[in-house]
Amino acid sequence: MIADEETLARLMGLAQRGDKQAYTALLTEVQRWLERFFSRRCAPGHSDDLVQEVLIAVHNKRASYDPTRPFLPWLAAIARYRWIDHLRGVYRKAEEELTDADTPFASEEESIIARLSLDRMLAQIPKTQAEVISWVKIEGLSIKQAAGKSGLSEAAVKVNIHRGLKKLSALPEKAN
């Protein structure tokens, strides 16, 4: 059985009032939903751990669920935050595992080619977005420094970086 929004919300409401059978049914359906959710987002070896983490979080946060609101967005938010935490951990671990021996020795020619490629990609997005991305992400300026240099507010710099990176990430997809 794949429970729908209404059923899950009803089961959660009953579980909040102490119905153990409803809580068991809810956790079973939530587990199935989470398995589908994570199967598309992470490596198979990691999805089981994430499902368990989210089930524990649902258990711990069940009192915060508002029965007048939809259940699936509440569940999806918890799952999404756990997934993001997982990705941060994976990337952090990958960074820690890098050593100087892992660093490739790039020739000057490779550096020039990489910079030309980057410049070509940045030329495909609006100038303001390309500038703030270059200043903050490549040159290492702070958001505040980039705001001062561009004349934009810090919030506008952040928005331009976000939108520019989103457009840049879509460029390789359009090329295929």
N, C-alpha and C. Protein backbone atom coordinates (compact mmCIF):
# COMPACT_ATOMS: atom_id res chain seq x y z
N MET A 1 0.84 -1.17 0.00
CA MET A 1 0.00 0.00 0.00
C MET A 1 0.89 1.24 0.00
N ILE A 2 0.60 2.18 -0.87
CA ILE A 2 1.28 3.46 -0.86
C ILE A 2 0.28 4.48 -0.35
N ALA A 3 0.55 4.97 0.84
CA ALA A 3 -0.39 5.87 1.50
C ALA A 3 -0.33 7.24 0.84
N ASP A 4 -1.46 7.88 0.78
CA ASP A 4 -1.54 9.23 0.22
C ASP A 4 -1.41 10.26 1.34
N GLU A 5 -1.39 11.50 0.96
CA GLU A 5 -1.23 12.60 1.91
C GLU A 5 -2.26 12.55 3.03
N GLU A 6 -3.49 12.37 2.65
CA GLU A 6 -4.58 12.37 3.64
C GLU A 6 -4.40 11.24 4.67
N THR A 7 -4.04 10.05 4.18
CA THR A 7 -3.86 8.91 5.07
C THR A 7 -2.68 9.14 6.02
N LEU A 8 -1.58 9.63 5.47
CA LEU A 8 -0.41 9.88 6.31
C LEU A 8 -0.70 10.93 7.37
N ALA A 9 -1.39 12.00 6.99
CA ALA A 9 -1.73 13.05 7.95
C ALA A 9 -2.65 12.50 9.05
N ARG A 10 -3.61 11.67 8.65
CA ARG A 10 -4.53 11.07 9.63
C ARG A 10 -3.77 10.15 10.58
N LEU A 11 -2.87 9.31 10.03
CA LEU A 11 -2.07 8.41 10.87
C LEU A 11 -1.18 9.19 11.84
N MET A 12 -0.61 10.29 11.37
CA MET A 12 0.23 11.10 12.25
C MET A 12 -0.60 11.73 13.36
N GLY A 13 -1.77 12.20 13.01
CA GLY A 13 -2.65 12.76 14.04
C GLY A 13 -3.01 11.74 15.10
N LEU A 14 -3.34 10.52 14.66
CA LEU A 14 -3.65 9.45 15.61
C LEU A 14 -2.42 9.09 16.45
N ALA A 15 -1.25 9.05 15.80
CA ALA A 15 -0.03 8.72 16.51
C ALA A 15 0.29 9.78 17.57
N GLN A 16 0.03 11.02 17.26
CA GLN A 16 0.28 12.09 18.23
C GLN A 16 -0.63 11.96 19.45
N ARG A 17 -1.79 11.33 19.24
CA ARG A 17 -2.72 11.14 20.36
C ARG A 17 -2.48 9.81 21.07
N GLY A 18 -1.42 9.08 20.68
CA GLY A 18 -1.03 7.87 21.41
C GLY A 18 -1.45 6.56 20.79
N ASP A 19 -2.00 6.54 19.58
CA ASP A 19 -2.41 5.30 18.92
C ASP A 19 -1.16 4.58 18.38
N LYS A 20 -0.75 3.49 19.06
CA LYS A 20 0.47 2.78 18.70
C LYS A 20 0.37 2.07 17.35
N GLN A 21 -0.81 1.53 17.05
CA GLN A 21 -0.98 0.86 15.76
C GLN A 21 -0.89 1.87 14.61
N ALA A 22 -1.48 3.01 14.79
CA ALA A 22 -1.40 4.05 13.76
C ALA A 22 0.05 4.51 13.59
N TYR A 23 0.77 4.59 14.70
CA TYR A 23 2.17 5.03 14.63
C TYR A 23 3.02 4.00 13.89
N THR A 24 2.78 2.72 14.15
CA THR A 24 3.50 1.66 13.45
C THR A 24 3.19 1.72 11.96
N ALA A 25 1.92 1.87 11.60
CA ALA A 25 1.53 1.97 10.20
C ALA A 25 2.16 3.20 9.55
N LEU A 26 2.17 4.30 10.28
CA LEU A 26 2.76 5.53 9.76
C LEU A 26 4.25 5.34 9.48
N LEU A 27 4.98 4.78 10.43
CA LEU A 27 6.42 4.59 10.23
C LEU A 27 6.71 3.64 9.08
N THR A 28 5.88 2.63 8.89
CA THR A 28 6.05 1.71 7.77
C THR A 28 5.89 2.44 6.44
N GLU A 29 4.84 3.26 6.34
CA GLU A 29 4.61 4.01 5.11
C GLU A 29 5.67 5.09 4.90
N VAL A 30 6.08 5.73 5.96
CA VAL A 30 7.13 6.75 5.86
C VAL A 30 8.43 6.10 5.40
N GLN A 31 8.73 4.92 5.92
CA GLN A 31 9.95 4.21 5.51
C GLN A 31 9.90 3.92 4.00
N ARG A 32 8.78 3.46 3.50
CA ARG A 32 8.65 3.18 2.05
C ARG A 32 8.85 4.46 1.24
N TRP A 33 8.23 5.54 1.71
CA TRP A 33 8.34 6.82 1.00
C TRP A 33 9.79 7.29 0.99
N LEU A 34 10.47 7.16 2.13
CA LEU A 34 11.86 7.60 2.24
C LEU A 34 12.79 6.75 1.37
N GLU A 35 12.53 5.45 1.30
CA GLU A 35 13.35 4.58 0.44
C GLU A 35 13.27 5.04 -1.01
N ARG A 36 12.06 5.39 -1.46
CA ARG A 36 11.91 5.91 -2.82
C ARG A 36 12.60 7.26 -2.96
N PHE A 37 12.45 8.12 -1.98
CA PHE A 37 13.03 9.46 -1.99
C PHE A 37 14.55 9.38 -2.11
N PHE A 38 15.19 8.56 -1.27
CA PHE A 38 16.65 8.50 -1.25
C PHE A 38 17.22 7.63 -2.36
N SER A 39 16.44 6.71 -2.91
CA SER A 39 16.97 5.85 -3.97
C SER A 39 17.36 6.67 -5.20
N ARG A 40 16.72 7.82 -5.38
CA ARG A 40 17.03 8.69 -6.53
C ARG A 40 18.08 9.74 -6.20
N ARG A 41 18.51 9.82 -4.95
CA ARG A 41 19.37 10.92 -4.55
C ARG A 41 20.75 10.52 -4.02
N CYS A 42 20.94 9.26 -3.69
CA CYS A 42 22.25 8.90 -3.14
C CYS A 42 22.59 7.45 -3.47
N ALA A 43 23.83 7.11 -3.17
CA ALA A 43 24.33 5.76 -3.43
C ALA A 43 23.54 4.74 -2.59
N PRO A 44 23.31 3.56 -3.14
CA PRO A 44 22.51 2.56 -2.42
C PRO A 44 23.02 2.24 -1.02
N GLY A 45 24.30 2.24 -0.82
CA GLY A 45 24.85 1.93 0.50
C GLY A 45 24.56 3.00 1.54
N HIS A 46 24.19 4.18 1.09
CA HIS A 46 23.95 5.28 2.02
C HIS A 46 22.48 5.49 2.31
N SER A 47 21.61 5.00 1.45
CA SER A 47 20.19 5.30 1.61
C SER A 47 19.59 4.66 2.87
N ASP A 48 20.03 3.45 3.23
CA ASP A 48 19.48 2.81 4.43
C ASP A 48 19.77 3.63 5.68
N ASP A 49 20.99 4.14 5.78
CA ASP A 49 21.34 4.96 6.94
C ASP A 49 20.51 6.24 6.98
N LEU A 50 20.34 6.84 5.81
CA LEU A 50 19.55 8.08 5.76
C LEU A 50 18.10 7.82 6.13
N VAL A 51 17.54 6.72 5.67
CA VAL A 51 16.16 6.38 6.02
C VAL A 51 16.04 6.26 7.54
N GLN A 52 16.98 5.57 8.16
CA GLN A 52 16.93 5.40 9.61
C GLN A 52 17.08 6.74 10.34
N GLU A 53 17.99 7.59 9.84
CA GLU A 53 18.17 8.90 10.47
C GLU A 53 16.89 9.72 10.41
N VAL A 54 16.21 9.67 9.26
CA VAL A 54 14.98 10.45 9.12
C VAL A 54 13.87 9.86 9.99
N LEU A 55 13.79 8.55 10.07
CA LEU A 55 12.78 7.94 10.94
C LEU A 55 13.00 8.36 12.39
N ILE A 56 14.24 8.42 12.81
CA ILE A 56 14.54 8.88 14.17
C ILE A 56 14.15 10.35 14.32
N ALA A 57 14.46 11.14 13.31
CA ALA A 57 14.10 12.57 13.36
C ALA A 57 12.59 12.75 13.40
N VAL A 58 11.86 11.96 12.62
CA VAL A 58 10.39 12.03 12.64
C VAL A 58 9.88 11.68 14.04
N HIS A 59 10.46 10.65 14.61
CA HIS A 59 10.07 10.25 15.97
C HIS A 59 10.32 11.39 16.96
N ASN A 60 11.50 11.99 16.86
CA ASN A 60 11.87 13.06 17.80
C ASN A 60 11.08 14.35 17.57
N LYS A 61 10.66 14.59 16.34
CA LYS A 61 9.98 15.84 16.01
C LYS A 61 8.47 15.68 15.84
N ARG A 62 7.95 14.51 16.14
CA ARG A 62 6.53 14.26 15.89
C ARG A 62 5.61 15.23 16.63
N ALA A 63 6.03 15.72 17.76
CA ALA A 63 5.20 16.67 18.51
C ALA A 63 5.13 18.02 17.80
N SER A 64 6.10 18.31 16.94
CA SER A 64 6.11 19.61 16.25
C SER A 64 5.21 19.61 15.02
N TYR A 65 4.74 18.44 14.60
CA TYR A 65 3.87 18.38 13.42
C TYR A 65 2.51 19.00 13.74
N ASP A 66 2.07 19.89 12.86
CA ASP A 66 0.77 20.55 13.00
C ASP A 66 -0.24 19.79 12.14
N PRO A 67 -1.22 19.12 12.75
CA PRO A 67 -2.18 18.30 12.01
C PRO A 67 -3.03 19.10 11.02
N THR A 68 -3.05 20.41 11.12
CA THR A 68 -3.82 21.21 10.16
C THR A 68 -3.04 21.47 8.89
N ARG A 69 -1.76 21.08 8.87
CA ARG A 69 -0.90 21.30 7.71
C ARG A 69 -0.64 19.96 7.00
N PRO A 70 -0.28 19.98 5.73
CA PRO A 70 0.03 18.74 5.01
C PRO A 70 1.23 18.01 5.62
N PHE A 71 1.16 16.70 5.58
CA PHE A 71 2.21 15.87 6.19
C PHE A 71 3.43 15.71 5.30
N LEU A 72 3.22 15.42 4.00
CA LEU A 72 4.35 15.12 3.12
C LEU A 72 5.35 16.26 3.00
N PRO A 73 4.94 17.52 2.90
CA PRO A 73 5.96 18.58 2.88
C PRO A 73 6.78 18.63 4.17
N TRP A 74 6.14 18.35 5.29
CA TRP A 74 6.83 18.31 6.58
C TRP A 74 7.88 17.20 6.56
N LEU A 75 7.47 16.01 6.09
CA LEU A 75 8.37 14.88 5.99
C LEU A 75 9.49 15.16 4.99
N ALA A 76 9.14 15.70 3.84
CA ALA A 76 10.13 15.98 2.80
C ALA A 76 11.18 16.98 3.28
N ALA A 77 10.76 17.95 4.07
CA ALA A 77 11.71 18.93 4.61
C ALA A 77 12.72 18.24 5.53
N ILE A 78 12.24 17.36 6.38
CA ILE A 78 13.15 16.63 7.28
C ILE A 78 14.11 15.78 6.45
N ALA A 79 13.58 15.07 5.46
CA ALA A 79 14.40 14.20 4.62
C ALA A 79 15.44 15.02 3.85
N ARG A 80 15.00 16.15 3.33
CA ARG A 80 15.91 17.00 2.56
C ARG A 80 17.05 17.52 3.44
N TYR A 81 16.75 17.97 4.64
CA TYR A 81 17.80 18.47 5.53
C TYR A 81 18.78 17.36 5.91
N ARG A 82 18.28 16.17 6.15
CA ARG A 82 19.17 15.05 6.47
C ARG A 82 20.05 14.70 5.28
N TRP A 83 19.46 14.76 4.07
CA TRP A 83 20.20 14.46 2.85
C TRP A 83 21.31 15.49 2.66
N ILE A 84 21.01 16.78 2.88
CA ILE A 84 22.02 17.83 2.75
C ILE A 84 23.13 17.63 3.77
N ASP A 85 22.77 17.31 5.00
CA ASP A 85 23.78 17.03 6.02
C ASP A 85 24.66 15.86 5.59
N HIS A 86 24.05 14.85 5.01
CA HIS A 86 24.79 13.68 4.52
C HIS A 86 25.78 14.10 3.43
N LEU A 87 25.32 14.91 2.48
CA LEU A 87 26.19 15.35 1.39
C LEU A 87 27.36 16.18 1.93
N ARG A 88 27.09 17.04 2.89
CA ARG A 88 28.17 17.83 3.49
C ARG A 88 29.22 16.91 4.11
N GLY A 89 28.75 15.88 4.81
CA GLY A 89 29.67 14.93 5.42
C GLY A 89 30.50 14.17 4.39
N VAL A 90 29.86 13.77 3.30
CA VAL A 90 30.56 13.05 2.24
C VAL A 90 31.64 13.94 1.63
N TYR A 91 31.28 15.19 1.33
CA TYR A 91 32.25 16.10 0.73
C TYR A 91 33.36 16.47 1.71
N ARG A 92 33.01 16.64 2.97
CA ARG A 92 34.01 16.96 3.98
C ARG A 92 35.01 15.81 4.09
N LYS A 93 34.49 14.59 4.09
CA LYS A 93 35.36 13.42 4.19
C LYS A 93 36.26 13.32 2.96
N ALA A 94 35.71 13.59 1.79
CA ALA A 94 36.50 13.53 0.56
C ALA A 94 37.61 14.57 0.60
N GLU A 95 37.33 15.76 1.13
CA GLU A 95 38.36 16.80 1.24
C GLU A 95 39.46 16.38 2.20
N GLU A 96 39.08 15.76 3.31
CA GLU A 96 40.07 15.33 4.30
C GLU A 96 40.97 14.23 3.75
N GLU A 97 40.45 13.43 2.85
CA GLU A 97 41.22 12.32 2.31
C GLU A 97 42.24 12.76 1.27
N LEU A 98 42.09 13.97 0.74
CA LEU A 98 43.04 14.46 -0.25
C LEU A 98 44.36 14.79 0.44
N THR A 99 45.43 14.40 -0.20
CA THR A 99 46.76 14.73 0.31
C THR A 99 47.51 15.46 -0.79
N ASP A 100 48.70 15.92 -0.47
CA ASP A 100 49.50 16.61 -1.48
C ASP A 100 49.82 15.69 -2.65
N ALA A 101 49.93 14.39 -2.38
CA ALA A 101 50.22 13.43 -3.45
C ALA A 101 49.05 13.34 -4.43
N ASP A 102 47.84 13.69 -3.96
CA ASP A 102 46.66 13.63 -4.82
C ASP A 102 46.53 14.86 -5.72
N THR A 103 47.27 15.91 -5.41
CA THR A 103 47.15 17.14 -6.16
C THR A 103 47.84 16.99 -7.49
N PRO A 104 47.10 17.18 -8.57
CA PRO A 104 47.73 17.05 -9.88
C PRO A 104 48.63 18.26 -10.15
N PHE A 105 49.70 18.01 -10.85
CA PHE A 105 50.58 19.09 -11.25
C PHE A 105 50.15 19.55 -12.62
N ALA A 106 49.50 20.70 -12.65
CA ALA A 106 48.99 21.23 -13.91
C ALA A 106 50.06 22.07 -14.58
N SER A 107 50.16 21.89 -15.86
CA SER A 107 51.10 22.71 -16.60
C SER A 107 50.49 24.10 -16.78
N GLU A 108 51.32 25.03 -17.18
CA GLU A 108 50.84 26.39 -17.40
C GLU A 108 49.81 26.40 -18.52
N GLU A 109 50.00 25.55 -19.50
CA GLU A 109 49.07 25.46 -20.63
C GLU A 109 47.69 25.00 -20.16
N GLU A 110 47.64 24.00 -19.27
CA GLU A 110 46.37 23.51 -18.74
C GLU A 110 45.66 24.60 -17.96
N SER A 111 46.41 25.39 -17.20
CA SER A 111 45.82 26.49 -16.45
C SER A 111 45.21 27.53 -17.37
N ILE A 112 45.90 27.83 -18.44
CA ILE A 112 45.40 28.81 -19.40
C ILE A 112 44.14 28.30 -20.07
N ILE A 113 44.14 27.04 -20.46
CA ILE A 113 42.96 26.45 -21.09
C ILE A 113 41.78 26.44 -20.13
N ALA A 114 42.03 26.10 -18.87
CA ALA A 114 40.96 26.09 -17.87
C ALA A 114 40.40 27.49 -17.68
N ARG A 115 41.26 28.50 -17.62
CA ARG A 115 40.79 29.88 -17.43
C ARG A 115 39.99 30.35 -18.64
N LEU A 116 40.43 29.99 -19.85
CA LEU A 116 39.68 30.36 -21.05
C LEU A 116 38.30 29.70 -21.06
N SER A 117 38.26 28.44 -20.65
CA SER A 117 36.98 27.73 -20.57
C SER A 117 36.06 28.39 -19.56
N LEU A 118 36.62 28.75 -18.41
CA LEU A 118 35.83 29.43 -17.38
C LEU A 118 35.34 30.78 -17.88
N ASP A 119 36.21 31.53 -18.55
CA ASP A 119 35.81 32.84 -19.09
C ASP A 119 34.69 32.68 -20.12
N ARG A 120 34.77 31.64 -20.96
CA ARG A 120 33.70 31.40 -21.94
C ARG A 120 32.37 31.10 -21.26
N MET A 121 32.44 30.31 -20.18
CA MET A 121 31.20 29.99 -19.46
C MET A 121 30.63 31.24 -18.79
N LEU A 122 31.49 32.03 -18.16
CA LEU A 122 31.03 33.24 -17.48
C LEU A 122 30.46 34.25 -18.48
N ALA A 123 30.93 34.21 -19.71
CA ALA A 123 30.42 35.13 -20.73
C ALA A 123 28.99 34.80 -21.13
N GLN A 124 28.51 33.63 -20.77
CA GLN A 124 27.17 33.20 -21.15
C GLN A 124 26.11 33.58 -20.12
N ILE A 125 26.53 34.21 -19.04
CA ILE A 125 25.56 34.65 -18.03
C ILE A 125 25.66 36.17 -17.93
N PRO A 126 24.67 36.83 -17.33
CA PRO A 126 24.72 38.29 -17.22
C PRO A 126 26.01 38.78 -16.55
N LYS A 127 26.48 39.95 -17.00
CA LYS A 127 27.76 40.49 -16.57
C LYS A 127 27.85 40.64 -15.05
N THR A 128 26.80 41.16 -14.42
CA THR A 128 26.83 41.36 -12.97
C THR A 128 27.01 40.02 -12.24
N GLN A 129 26.29 39.01 -12.69
CA GLN A 129 26.42 37.69 -12.07
C GLN A 129 27.83 37.14 -12.26
N ALA A 130 28.38 37.29 -13.47
CA ALA A 130 29.72 36.78 -13.75
C ALA A 130 30.76 37.50 -12.89
N GLU A 131 30.59 38.81 -12.73
CA GLU A 131 31.56 39.58 -11.93
C GLU A 131 31.56 39.13 -10.47
N VAL A 132 30.38 39.06 -9.86
CA VAL A 132 30.34 38.71 -8.44
C VAL A 132 30.77 37.27 -8.21
N ILE A 133 30.46 36.38 -9.13
CA ILE A 133 30.93 34.99 -9.01
C ILE A 133 32.46 34.97 -9.08
N SER A 134 33.01 35.69 -10.03
CA SER A 134 34.46 35.75 -10.18
C SER A 134 35.12 36.32 -8.93
N TRP A 135 34.58 37.42 -8.40
CA TRP A 135 35.16 38.04 -7.23
C TRP A 135 35.09 37.15 -5.99
N VAL A 136 33.90 36.57 -5.76
CA VAL A 136 33.70 35.82 -4.52
C VAL A 136 34.23 34.39 -4.64
N LYS A 137 33.90 33.70 -5.70
CA LYS A 137 34.23 32.27 -5.79
C LYS A 137 35.63 32.00 -6.35
N ILE A 138 36.15 32.93 -7.16
CA ILE A 138 37.46 32.68 -7.77
C ILE A 138 38.55 33.48 -7.06
N GLU A 139 38.30 34.80 -6.89
CA GLU A 139 39.31 35.65 -6.26
C GLU A 139 39.28 35.58 -4.74
N GLY A 140 38.18 35.11 -4.16
CA GLY A 140 38.11 34.93 -2.72
C GLY A 140 37.67 36.15 -1.92
N LEU A 141 37.05 37.12 -2.59
CA LEU A 141 36.54 38.27 -1.86
C LEU A 141 35.34 37.85 -1.00
N SER A 142 35.10 38.57 0.06
CA SER A 142 33.91 38.31 0.88
C SER A 142 32.70 38.92 0.19
N ILE A 143 31.52 38.53 0.63
CA ILE A 143 30.28 39.09 0.09
C ILE A 143 30.28 40.61 0.30
N LYS A 144 30.72 41.04 1.47
CA LYS A 144 30.75 42.47 1.80
C LYS A 144 31.70 43.21 0.85
N GLN A 145 32.87 42.63 0.60
CA GLN A 145 33.83 43.26 -0.31
C GLN A 145 33.28 43.33 -1.73
N ALA A 146 32.64 42.25 -2.17
CA ALA A 146 32.06 42.23 -3.52
C ALA A 146 30.93 43.24 -3.63
N ALA A 147 30.16 43.40 -2.55
CA ALA A 147 29.08 44.39 -2.56
C ALA A 147 29.66 45.79 -2.69
N GLY A 148 30.72 46.07 -1.96
CA GLY A 148 31.36 47.38 -2.06
C GLY A 148 31.94 47.64 -3.43
N LYS A 149 32.54 46.63 -4.01
CA LYS A 149 33.17 46.76 -5.33
C LYS A 149 32.13 46.93 -6.44
N SER A 150 30.98 46.26 -6.29
CA SER A 150 29.96 46.29 -7.35
C SER A 150 28.93 47.39 -7.16
N GLY A 151 28.82 47.90 -5.94
CA GLY A 151 27.79 48.90 -5.67
C GLY A 151 26.43 48.28 -5.37
N LEU A 152 26.38 46.97 -5.25
CA LEU A 152 25.15 46.26 -4.93
C LEU A 152 25.07 46.03 -3.42
N SER A 153 23.88 45.72 -2.94
CA SER A 153 23.75 45.33 -1.54
C SER A 153 24.30 43.91 -1.37
N GLU A 154 24.60 43.53 -0.13
CA GLU A 154 25.10 42.17 0.12
C GLU A 154 24.07 41.13 -0.31
N ALA A 155 22.79 41.42 -0.05
CA ALA A 155 21.74 40.49 -0.45
C ALA A 155 21.70 40.33 -1.97
N ALA A 156 21.86 41.44 -2.68
CA ALA A 156 21.85 41.38 -4.15
C ALA A 156 23.05 40.59 -4.67
N VAL A 157 24.19 40.72 -4.01
CA VAL A 157 25.37 39.95 -4.41
C VAL A 157 25.09 38.46 -4.24
N LYS A 158 24.52 38.09 -3.10
CA LYS A 158 24.20 36.69 -2.85
C LYS A 158 23.22 36.15 -3.87
N VAL A 159 22.20 36.94 -4.19
CA VAL A 159 21.20 36.52 -5.18
C VAL A 159 21.85 36.35 -6.54
N ASN A 160 22.71 37.29 -6.93
CA ASN A 160 23.38 37.20 -8.22
C ASN A 160 24.29 35.99 -8.29
N ILE A 161 24.99 35.69 -7.20
CA ILE A 161 25.84 34.50 -7.17
C ILE A 161 24.99 33.25 -7.33
N HIS A 162 23.91 33.16 -6.56
CA HIS A 162 23.04 31.99 -6.60
C HIS A 162 22.47 31.79 -8.01
N ARG A 163 21.93 32.85 -8.58
CA ARG A 163 21.33 32.74 -9.91
C ARG A 163 22.37 32.43 -10.98
N GLY A 164 23.54 33.06 -10.86
CA GLY A 164 24.60 32.81 -11.83
C GLY A 164 25.10 31.38 -11.77
N LEU A 165 25.31 30.87 -10.56
CA LEU A 165 25.77 29.48 -10.43
C LEU A 165 24.73 28.50 -10.94
N LYS A 166 23.46 28.83 -10.72
CA LYS A 166 22.39 27.97 -11.22
C LYS A 166 22.42 27.93 -12.75
N LYS A 167 22.61 29.09 -13.37
CA LYS A 167 22.69 29.15 -14.83
C LYS A 167 23.93 28.43 -15.33
N LEU A 168 25.05 28.60 -14.64
CA LEU A 168 26.27 27.91 -15.05
C LEU A 168 26.13 26.40 -14.95
N SER A 169 25.47 25.94 -13.91
CA SER A 169 25.31 24.48 -13.75
C SER A 169 24.41 23.90 -14.83
N ALA A 170 23.54 24.72 -15.40
CA ALA A 170 22.65 24.24 -16.45
C ALA A 170 23.33 24.25 -17.82
N LEU A 171 24.42 24.97 -17.98
CA LEU A 171 25.08 25.08 -19.28
C LEU A 171 25.53 23.72 -19.85
N PRO A 172 26.23 22.88 -19.09
CA PRO A 172 26.63 21.59 -19.67
C PRO A 172 25.43 20.73 -20.08
N GLU A 173 24.32 20.85 -19.34
CA GLU A 173 23.14 20.08 -19.68
C GLU A 173 22.58 20.51 -21.03
N LYS A 174 22.60 21.81 -21.31
CA LYS A 174 22.09 22.32 -22.57
C LYS A 174 22.99 21.91 -23.74
N ALA A 175 24.27 21.70 -23.48
CA ALA A 175 25.21 21.34 -24.53
C ALA A 175 24.99 19.91 -25.02
N ASN A 176 24.38 19.06 -24.20
CA ASN A 176 24.18 17.65 -24.59
C ASN A 176 23.05 17.48 -25.54
